[in-house]
N, C-alpha and C. Protein backbone atom coordinates (compact mmCIF):
# COMPACT_ATOMS: atom_id res chain seq x y z
N MET A 1 0.86 -1.17 -0.01
CA MET A 1 0.00 -0.01 0.00
C MET A 1 0.90 1.23 0.00
N LEU A 2 0.58 2.19 -0.82
CA LEU A 2 1.34 3.41 -0.92
C LEU A 2 1.20 4.22 0.38
N THR A 3 2.25 4.97 0.74
CA THR A 3 2.25 5.71 1.98
C THR A 3 1.07 6.70 2.05
N LYS A 4 0.78 7.41 0.95
CA LYS A 4 -0.31 8.36 0.94
C LYS A 4 -1.65 7.67 1.17
N GLN A 5 -1.87 6.54 0.52
CA GLN A 5 -3.10 5.76 0.73
C GLN A 5 -3.21 5.26 2.14
N LYS A 6 -2.10 4.80 2.70
CA LYS A 6 -2.10 4.30 4.07
C LYS A 6 -2.43 5.45 5.02
N GLY A 7 -1.90 6.63 4.73
CA GLY A 7 -2.18 7.81 5.57
C GLY A 7 -3.66 8.18 5.55
N LYS A 8 -4.25 8.16 4.38
CA LYS A 8 -5.67 8.47 4.22
C LYS A 8 -6.53 7.44 4.95
N GLN A 9 -6.12 6.18 4.87
CA GLN A 9 -6.86 5.12 5.56
C GLN A 9 -6.79 5.36 7.07
N GLY A 10 -5.60 5.65 7.56
CA GLY A 10 -5.43 5.89 8.98
C GLY A 10 -6.24 7.10 9.48
N GLU A 11 -6.24 8.16 8.67
CA GLU A 11 -7.01 9.33 9.05
C GLU A 11 -8.51 9.07 9.08
N LYS A 12 -8.99 8.27 8.13
CA LYS A 12 -10.44 7.89 8.14
C LYS A 12 -10.78 7.11 9.40
N ILE A 13 -9.96 6.16 9.76
CA ILE A 13 -10.15 5.39 10.99
C ILE A 13 -10.16 6.30 12.19
N ALA A 14 -9.18 7.22 12.21
CA ALA A 14 -9.03 8.15 13.35
C ALA A 14 -10.24 9.09 13.46
N ILE A 15 -10.70 9.62 12.35
CA ILE A 15 -11.85 10.53 12.35
C ILE A 15 -13.08 9.80 12.83
N ASP A 16 -13.35 8.60 12.32
CA ASP A 16 -14.47 7.81 12.79
C ASP A 16 -14.42 7.59 14.30
N TYR A 17 -13.23 7.24 14.77
CA TYR A 17 -13.00 7.02 16.22
C TYR A 17 -13.34 8.26 17.00
N LEU A 18 -12.83 9.43 16.55
CA LEU A 18 -13.07 10.69 17.27
C LEU A 18 -14.53 11.11 17.24
N LEU A 19 -15.15 11.02 16.06
CA LEU A 19 -16.57 11.43 15.93
C LEU A 19 -17.47 10.59 16.83
N LYS A 20 -17.19 9.28 16.94
CA LYS A 20 -17.96 8.40 17.79
C LYS A 20 -17.83 8.79 19.25
N ARG A 21 -16.75 9.45 19.61
CA ARG A 21 -16.53 9.86 20.99
C ARG A 21 -16.98 11.29 21.23
N GLY A 22 -17.62 11.91 20.24
CA GLY A 22 -18.26 13.21 20.45
C GLY A 22 -17.42 14.40 19.97
N HIS A 23 -16.30 14.18 19.33
CA HIS A 23 -15.52 15.27 18.78
C HIS A 23 -16.21 15.90 17.59
N LEU A 24 -15.97 17.19 17.37
CA LEU A 24 -16.47 17.88 16.20
C LEU A 24 -15.24 18.16 15.30
N LEU A 25 -15.26 17.70 14.08
CA LEU A 25 -14.13 17.87 13.18
C LEU A 25 -14.09 19.33 12.68
N LEU A 26 -12.93 19.99 12.92
CA LEU A 26 -12.75 21.34 12.44
C LEU A 26 -11.91 21.42 11.15
N ALA A 27 -10.92 20.52 11.04
CA ALA A 27 -10.05 20.52 9.85
C ALA A 27 -9.36 19.19 9.73
N LYS A 28 -9.01 18.84 8.53
CA LYS A 28 -8.14 17.69 8.30
C LYS A 28 -7.15 18.06 7.22
N ASN A 29 -5.96 17.51 7.35
CA ASN A 29 -4.89 17.77 6.41
C ASN A 29 -4.65 19.23 6.16
N PHE A 30 -4.63 20.03 7.26
CA PHE A 30 -4.33 21.43 7.16
C PHE A 30 -2.86 21.63 6.90
N ARG A 31 -2.51 22.38 5.86
CA ARG A 31 -1.12 22.56 5.50
C ARG A 31 -0.70 24.06 5.62
N SER A 32 0.57 24.22 5.97
CA SER A 32 1.18 25.53 5.95
C SER A 32 2.59 25.32 5.43
N GLN A 33 3.36 26.42 5.41
CA GLN A 33 4.73 26.30 4.95
C GLN A 33 5.59 25.47 5.93
N PHE A 34 5.07 25.20 7.12
CA PHE A 34 5.83 24.47 8.15
C PHE A 34 5.54 22.98 8.11
N GLY A 35 4.36 22.58 7.57
CA GLY A 35 4.03 21.18 7.58
C GLY A 35 2.55 20.96 7.48
N GLU A 36 2.08 19.84 8.04
CA GLU A 36 0.68 19.47 7.96
C GLU A 36 0.19 18.96 9.31
N ILE A 37 -1.04 19.28 9.60
CA ILE A 37 -1.73 18.69 10.74
C ILE A 37 -2.75 17.74 10.19
N ASP A 38 -2.75 16.51 10.70
CA ASP A 38 -3.68 15.50 10.19
C ASP A 38 -5.13 15.84 10.52
N ILE A 39 -5.41 16.11 11.79
CA ILE A 39 -6.80 16.32 12.23
C ILE A 39 -6.82 17.39 13.33
N ILE A 40 -7.81 18.30 13.25
CA ILE A 40 -8.08 19.26 14.31
C ILE A 40 -9.55 19.12 14.70
N THR A 41 -9.81 18.91 15.97
CA THR A 41 -11.20 18.76 16.48
C THR A 41 -11.43 19.67 17.67
N THR A 42 -12.69 19.79 18.03
CA THR A 42 -13.03 20.41 19.28
C THR A 42 -13.93 19.42 20.05
N TYR A 43 -13.71 19.42 21.36
CA TYR A 43 -14.45 18.50 22.23
C TYR A 43 -14.48 19.13 23.63
N GLN A 44 -15.68 19.32 24.17
CA GLN A 44 -15.86 19.85 25.53
C GLN A 44 -15.08 21.13 25.74
N GLY A 45 -15.12 22.04 24.79
CA GLY A 45 -14.51 23.36 24.96
C GLY A 45 -13.02 23.35 24.75
N ASN A 46 -12.44 22.30 24.27
CA ASN A 46 -10.98 22.22 24.03
C ASN A 46 -10.73 22.00 22.53
N ILE A 47 -9.53 22.35 22.10
CA ILE A 47 -9.07 22.07 20.74
C ILE A 47 -8.07 20.93 20.83
N TYR A 48 -8.24 19.95 19.95
CA TYR A 48 -7.33 18.80 19.89
C TYR A 48 -6.67 18.77 18.51
N ILE A 49 -5.38 18.70 18.51
CA ILE A 49 -4.59 18.57 17.30
C ILE A 49 -4.08 17.15 17.29
N TYR A 50 -4.35 16.41 16.20
CA TYR A 50 -3.98 14.98 16.15
C TYR A 50 -2.97 14.69 15.06
N GLU A 51 -1.94 13.97 15.41
CA GLU A 51 -1.03 13.33 14.50
C GLU A 51 -1.45 11.87 14.46
N VAL A 52 -1.69 11.34 13.28
CA VAL A 52 -2.18 9.97 13.13
C VAL A 52 -1.06 9.11 12.53
N LYS A 53 -0.86 7.95 13.15
CA LYS A 53 0.13 6.97 12.63
C LYS A 53 -0.56 5.63 12.54
N LEU A 54 -0.60 5.09 11.34
CA LEU A 54 -1.18 3.77 11.09
C LEU A 54 -0.03 2.79 10.84
N ARG A 55 -0.05 1.69 11.60
CA ARG A 55 0.97 0.66 11.44
C ARG A 55 0.31 -0.59 10.90
N LYS A 56 0.73 -0.99 9.68
CA LYS A 56 0.26 -2.23 9.12
C LYS A 56 1.06 -3.42 9.65
N THR A 57 2.30 -3.13 10.01
CA THR A 57 3.19 -4.12 10.64
C THR A 57 3.99 -3.41 11.71
N MET A 58 4.68 -4.15 12.51
CA MET A 58 5.55 -3.57 13.53
C MET A 58 6.98 -3.49 13.04
N ARG A 59 7.17 -3.61 11.74
CA ARG A 59 8.49 -3.60 11.16
C ARG A 59 9.33 -2.34 11.59
N TYR A 60 8.67 -1.19 11.67
CA TYR A 60 9.35 0.03 12.02
C TYR A 60 9.05 0.46 13.46
N GLY A 61 8.51 -0.41 14.26
CA GLY A 61 8.21 -0.11 15.66
C GLY A 61 6.88 0.56 15.83
N PHE A 62 6.64 1.01 17.02
CA PHE A 62 5.39 1.70 17.35
C PHE A 62 5.34 3.03 16.66
N GLY A 63 4.14 3.48 16.31
CA GLY A 63 3.97 4.74 15.58
C GLY A 63 4.47 5.96 16.30
N ASP A 64 4.45 5.91 17.63
CA ASP A 64 4.90 7.08 18.37
C ASP A 64 6.39 7.38 18.19
N LEU A 65 7.15 6.38 17.71
CA LEU A 65 8.57 6.57 17.49
C LEU A 65 8.83 7.57 16.38
N ALA A 66 7.84 7.75 15.50
CA ALA A 66 7.96 8.69 14.38
C ALA A 66 7.61 10.13 14.76
N ILE A 67 7.21 10.35 16.00
CA ILE A 67 6.83 11.65 16.44
C ILE A 67 7.93 12.20 17.37
N ASN A 68 8.88 12.89 16.74
CA ASN A 68 10.01 13.41 17.50
C ASN A 68 9.81 14.91 17.79
N GLU A 69 10.78 15.52 18.41
CA GLU A 69 10.66 16.92 18.82
C GLU A 69 10.54 17.83 17.56
N SER A 70 11.24 17.50 16.50
CA SER A 70 11.17 18.27 15.28
C SER A 70 9.74 18.25 14.70
N LYS A 71 9.13 17.06 14.69
CA LYS A 71 7.77 16.90 14.19
C LYS A 71 6.79 17.69 15.06
N ILE A 72 6.98 17.64 16.35
CA ILE A 72 6.11 18.37 17.26
C ILE A 72 6.19 19.88 16.98
N GLN A 73 7.39 20.38 16.78
CA GLN A 73 7.55 21.78 16.50
C GLN A 73 6.90 22.19 15.21
N LYS A 74 6.95 21.34 14.19
CA LYS A 74 6.26 21.62 12.92
C LYS A 74 4.76 21.65 13.14
N ILE A 75 4.25 20.77 13.95
CA ILE A 75 2.81 20.75 14.25
C ILE A 75 2.41 22.06 14.94
N ILE A 76 3.22 22.49 15.93
CA ILE A 76 2.91 23.74 16.66
C ILE A 76 2.95 24.95 15.69
N ASN A 77 3.95 25.01 14.87
CA ASN A 77 4.05 26.13 13.92
C ASN A 77 2.87 26.12 12.92
N THR A 78 2.51 24.95 12.45
CA THR A 78 1.37 24.84 11.52
C THR A 78 0.07 25.22 12.23
N PHE A 79 -0.05 24.79 13.48
CA PHE A 79 -1.29 25.14 14.21
C PHE A 79 -1.39 26.65 14.44
N GLU A 80 -0.27 27.30 14.64
CA GLU A 80 -0.28 28.76 14.77
C GLU A 80 -0.86 29.43 13.53
N ARG A 81 -0.52 28.87 12.34
CA ARG A 81 -1.12 29.42 11.09
C ARG A 81 -2.62 29.14 11.05
N TRP A 82 -3.05 27.98 11.52
CA TRP A 82 -4.47 27.66 11.54
C TRP A 82 -5.24 28.62 12.44
N ILE A 83 -4.64 28.91 13.62
CA ILE A 83 -5.28 29.82 14.56
C ILE A 83 -5.37 31.22 13.97
N GLU A 84 -4.39 31.64 13.19
CA GLU A 84 -4.46 32.97 12.55
C GLU A 84 -5.68 33.05 11.64
N ARG A 85 -6.09 31.94 11.05
CA ARG A 85 -7.24 31.90 10.15
C ARG A 85 -8.56 31.61 10.89
N ASN A 86 -8.45 31.17 12.12
CA ASN A 86 -9.62 30.78 12.93
C ASN A 86 -9.52 31.42 14.32
N VAL A 87 -9.43 32.75 14.33
CA VAL A 87 -9.14 33.48 15.59
C VAL A 87 -10.17 33.24 16.68
N HIS A 88 -11.38 32.84 16.33
CA HIS A 88 -12.43 32.64 17.35
C HIS A 88 -12.05 31.45 18.27
N TYR A 89 -11.06 30.64 17.92
CA TYR A 89 -10.59 29.54 18.75
C TYR A 89 -9.36 29.87 19.57
N THR A 90 -8.88 31.12 19.51
CA THR A 90 -7.64 31.52 20.14
C THR A 90 -7.59 31.17 21.62
N ASN A 91 -8.64 31.38 22.35
CA ASN A 91 -8.61 31.24 23.82
C ASN A 91 -9.01 29.83 24.30
N TYR A 92 -9.26 28.92 23.38
CA TYR A 92 -9.59 27.53 23.78
C TYR A 92 -8.32 26.83 24.30
N PRO A 93 -8.46 26.01 25.34
CA PRO A 93 -7.31 25.19 25.71
C PRO A 93 -6.96 24.23 24.57
N LYS A 94 -5.67 24.02 24.34
CA LYS A 94 -5.23 23.22 23.19
C LYS A 94 -4.39 22.06 23.64
N TYR A 95 -4.58 20.92 22.95
CA TYR A 95 -3.83 19.70 23.25
C TYR A 95 -3.32 19.12 21.96
N ILE A 96 -2.07 18.68 21.97
CA ILE A 96 -1.50 17.97 20.82
C ILE A 96 -1.46 16.50 21.20
N ASN A 97 -2.18 15.69 20.44
CA ASN A 97 -2.29 14.27 20.73
C ASN A 97 -1.85 13.45 19.51
N ALA A 98 -1.59 12.19 19.78
CA ALA A 98 -1.31 11.23 18.75
C ALA A 98 -2.34 10.10 18.81
N LEU A 99 -2.74 9.62 17.64
CA LEU A 99 -3.58 8.43 17.55
C LEU A 99 -2.73 7.41 16.78
N ILE A 100 -2.39 6.34 17.49
CA ILE A 100 -1.60 5.29 16.91
C ILE A 100 -2.52 4.09 16.64
N ILE A 101 -2.59 3.69 15.38
CA ILE A 101 -3.45 2.59 14.97
C ILE A 101 -2.56 1.38 14.73
N ASP A 102 -2.72 0.37 15.57
CA ASP A 102 -1.88 -0.82 15.53
C ASP A 102 -2.28 -1.77 14.42
N PRO A 103 -1.40 -2.70 14.07
CA PRO A 103 -1.74 -3.68 13.02
C PRO A 103 -2.99 -4.49 13.32
N ASP A 104 -3.29 -4.70 14.58
CA ASP A 104 -4.49 -5.47 14.95
C ASP A 104 -5.74 -4.62 14.99
N GLY A 105 -5.64 -3.33 14.66
CA GLY A 105 -6.79 -2.43 14.64
C GLY A 105 -7.00 -1.66 15.92
N GLY A 106 -6.20 -1.96 16.94
CA GLY A 106 -6.33 -1.21 18.19
C GLY A 106 -5.89 0.23 18.00
N ILE A 107 -6.52 1.12 18.77
CA ILE A 107 -6.19 2.55 18.70
C ILE A 107 -5.71 3.01 20.07
N ASN A 108 -4.55 3.62 20.06
CA ASN A 108 -4.00 4.19 21.30
C ASN A 108 -3.90 5.70 21.13
N GLU A 109 -4.43 6.41 22.08
CA GLU A 109 -4.43 7.87 22.03
C GLU A 109 -3.61 8.35 23.23
N PHE A 110 -2.74 9.33 22.93
CA PHE A 110 -2.01 9.93 24.07
C PHE A 110 -1.59 11.34 23.72
N GLU A 111 -1.44 12.14 24.78
CA GLU A 111 -1.01 13.51 24.61
C GLU A 111 0.49 13.56 24.40
N ILE A 112 0.92 14.35 23.37
CA ILE A 112 2.33 14.46 23.12
C ILE A 112 2.91 15.77 23.51
N ARG A 113 2.03 16.73 23.89
CA ARG A 113 2.50 18.02 24.36
C ARG A 113 1.40 18.78 25.02
């Protein structure tokens, strides 16, 4: 499976997972000159920024290994551009999370910043 197709599949799984839990989707695949944010949602008065990693195999380890400090900084910089376009969300508490989808279909969510 091509990387782009795998990413789209992972994002669809992640969005379904979040919507079933009551999140409202604000944006997906938001791009800036700094990078891309996979998913932005709001839930219970908070903003959640999600990095999604789908693992078809464990060949390259757990998905969270691909989320390093450089990637986190790109997400933060990209989110700042999103906020500039969506100023009404400026004062919402914000969380950067990861959704790791395992080969067996399990989903692990954790805060990364």
